[in-house]
Amino acid sequence: MVYQITKGIKISVKTKYNGTNYRNDRLYYTFSYVITIENKSSETVKLTDRFWKIFDSLNNTEIVNGEGVVGQTPTLKPNDCYTYGSGCFLESNIGAMKGFYTMINLDTFEQFKVIIPTFQLSNQTILN
C-alpha cells in the first residue's frame, strides 16, 4: 500500500492484478485498485474532480479526468473516510498510475489539489 498526505488529506492506495481480458480482439492486463481518502484536517472538504495519468511498460500513456470519482463527489468532515474501488486495462503487465483530486474547502471555499501518489500495477509473478 502507498499513501500520501496533502493539506491534511491522506490518500491510500491498494492494488490487485486481476488477470487478462480480451476487448476488441486485443489482450489486456486488468488491474483493480482501492483508494481510501481520509480527512485528517480540521475543515470540511469536498472532492470535485479527478485527474489520472496511466502508464504502461510499452510507453503508452492515458489521461483520464472528469467530475468526481465513480459517479460521486464526496464531502468529508474532519476525521471522515471515503473508500472506493475502480480499475484499468493495460496493454502490458507492468504499469503505474498517478494523479490528483481537486477539492474545495467548504469552510473557506479555497480550491486545492490533493496528490494521488504514484502506484505500481504489476502481475505478481513479475515481482518474484
Protein backbone atom coordinates (compact mmCIF):
# COMPACT_ATOMS: atom_id res chain seq x y z
CA MET A 1 0.00 0.00 0.00
CA VAL A 2 1.19 3.52 -0.78
CA TYR A 3 -0.08 6.74 0.73
CA GLN A 4 0.49 10.49 0.70
CA ILE A 5 -0.89 13.41 2.71
CA THR A 6 -1.61 16.80 1.13
CA LYS A 7 -3.12 19.61 3.23
CA GLY A 8 -4.33 17.10 5.79
CA ILE A 9 -5.98 14.80 3.24
CA LYS A 10 -4.48 11.29 3.25
CA ILE A 11 -4.75 9.19 0.09
CA SER A 12 -4.03 5.45 0.46
CA VAL A 13 -3.97 3.02 -2.47
CA LYS A 14 -4.07 -0.79 -2.64
CA THR A 15 -3.80 -2.58 -5.99
CA LYS A 16 -4.60 -6.03 -7.35
CA TYR A 17 -3.81 -7.83 -10.59
CA ASN A 18 -6.99 -9.44 -11.97
CA GLY A 19 -5.67 -11.41 -14.96
CA THR A 20 -6.10 -10.92 -18.67
CA ASN A 21 -9.13 -9.99 -20.71
CA TYR A 22 -9.86 -9.55 -24.40
CA ARG A 23 -11.53 -6.37 -25.66
CA ASN A 24 -11.98 -5.74 -29.38
CA ASP A 25 -9.72 -8.73 -30.16
CA ARG A 26 -6.84 -7.27 -28.10
CA LEU A 27 -5.30 -8.77 -24.99
CA TYR A 28 -5.31 -6.53 -21.91
CA TYR A 29 -3.96 -6.95 -18.40
CA THR A 30 -6.59 -5.92 -15.88
CA PHE A 31 -5.95 -4.27 -12.54
CA SER A 32 -8.16 -3.02 -9.76
CA TYR A 33 -7.37 -0.54 -7.04
CA VAL A 34 -9.00 0.62 -3.83
CA ILE A 35 -8.47 4.19 -2.70
CA THR A 36 -9.19 5.50 0.77
CA ILE A 37 -9.44 9.25 1.29
CA GLU A 38 -9.10 10.36 4.92
CA ASN A 39 -9.73 13.90 6.09
CA LYS A 40 -7.15 14.45 8.82
CA SER A 41 -7.64 18.23 8.70
CA SER A 42 -9.94 20.31 10.88
CA GLU A 43 -12.06 21.55 7.95
CA THR A 44 -14.77 20.06 5.75
CA VAL A 45 -13.74 19.33 2.16
CA LYS A 46 -15.47 18.13 -0.99
CA LEU A 47 -13.87 16.18 -3.83
CA THR A 48 -14.98 17.80 -7.11
CA ASP A 49 -12.72 16.38 -9.86
CA ARG A 50 -10.07 13.77 -10.62
CA PHE A 51 -7.05 13.65 -12.94
CA TRP A 52 -5.19 10.42 -13.74
CA LYS A 53 -2.08 9.67 -15.76
CA ILE A 54 -1.85 5.93 -16.53
CA PHE A 55 1.38 4.45 -17.92
CA ASP A 56 2.41 1.00 -19.09
CA SER A 57 5.79 -0.53 -19.91
CA LEU A 58 5.14 -0.15 -23.67
CA ASN A 59 5.27 3.64 -23.23
CA ASN A 60 1.51 4.03 -23.63
CA THR A 61 0.05 6.89 -21.61
CA GLU A 62 -3.63 7.51 -20.98
CA ILE A 63 -5.08 10.65 -19.40
CA VAL A 64 -8.39 10.34 -17.55
CA ASN A 65 -10.11 13.30 -15.96
CA GLY A 66 -13.57 14.39 -15.01
CA GLU A 67 -16.02 15.16 -12.27
CA GLY A 68 -15.85 13.21 -9.02
CA VAL A 69 -14.94 9.55 -8.57
CA VAL A 70 -17.12 6.58 -9.54
CA GLY A 71 -20.02 8.97 -10.11
CA GLN A 72 -19.77 10.66 -6.71
CA THR A 73 -18.41 13.92 -5.30
CA PRO A 74 -17.98 13.00 -1.63
CA THR A 75 -17.91 15.54 1.19
CA LEU A 76 -15.62 14.68 4.09
CA LYS A 77 -15.91 16.28 7.50
CA PRO A 78 -12.88 16.16 9.83
CA ASN A 79 -11.91 12.52 10.56
CA ASP A 80 -14.23 11.16 7.82
CA CYS A 81 -13.05 8.45 5.40
CA TYR A 82 -14.30 7.65 1.91
CA THR A 83 -13.28 4.44 0.12
CA TYR A 84 -13.96 3.41 -3.45
CA GLY A 85 -12.72 0.87 -5.95
CA SER A 86 -12.05 1.11 -9.66
CA GLY A 87 -9.79 -0.44 -12.26
CA CYS A 88 -7.91 -0.13 -15.52
CA PHE A 89 -6.80 -2.10 -18.56
CA LEU A 90 -3.16 -2.04 -19.69
CA GLU A 91 -1.57 -3.40 -22.85
CA SER A 92 1.39 -4.68 -20.83
CA ASN A 93 1.64 -6.47 -17.50
CA ILE A 94 3.53 -3.63 -15.80
CA GLY A 95 2.37 -0.07 -15.36
CA ALA A 96 1.72 2.76 -12.96
CA MET A 97 -0.83 5.43 -12.17
CA LYS A 98 -0.61 8.85 -10.56
CA GLY A 99 -2.72 11.94 -10.40
CA PHE A 100 -4.61 14.32 -8.19
CA TYR A 101 -8.03 15.18 -6.86
CA THR A 102 -9.34 18.71 -6.98
CA MET A 103 -11.05 19.54 -3.72
CA ILE A 104 -12.75 22.54 -2.24
CA ASN A 105 -12.52 23.56 1.39
CA LEU A 106 -16.18 24.14 2.29
CA ASP A 107 -15.20 26.43 5.20
CA THR A 108 -13.05 28.86 3.16
CA PHE A 109 -14.13 27.92 -0.42
CA GLU A 110 -10.45 27.53 -1.31
CA GLN A 111 -9.90 25.06 -4.16
CA PHE A 112 -6.79 22.87 -3.92
CA LYS A 113 -5.17 19.76 -5.37
CA VAL A 114 -4.56 16.59 -3.38
CA ILE A 115 -1.78 14.40 -4.79
CA ILE A 116 -2.53 10.75 -5.54
CA PRO A 117 0.84 9.05 -5.07
CA THR A 118 2.31 7.04 -7.93
CA PHE A 119 1.37 3.40 -7.52
CA GLN A 120 2.58 0.36 -9.41
CA LEU A 121 0.41 -2.05 -11.38
CA SER A 122 2.10 -5.37 -12.00
CA ASN A 123 1.48 -9.07 -12.32
CA GLN A 124 2.71 -10.70 -9.07
CA THR A 125 4.78 -13.31 -10.98
CA ILE A 126 6.85 -10.45 -12.40
CA LEU A 127 7.76 -9.36 -8.87
CA ASN A 128 9.06 -12.78 -7.76
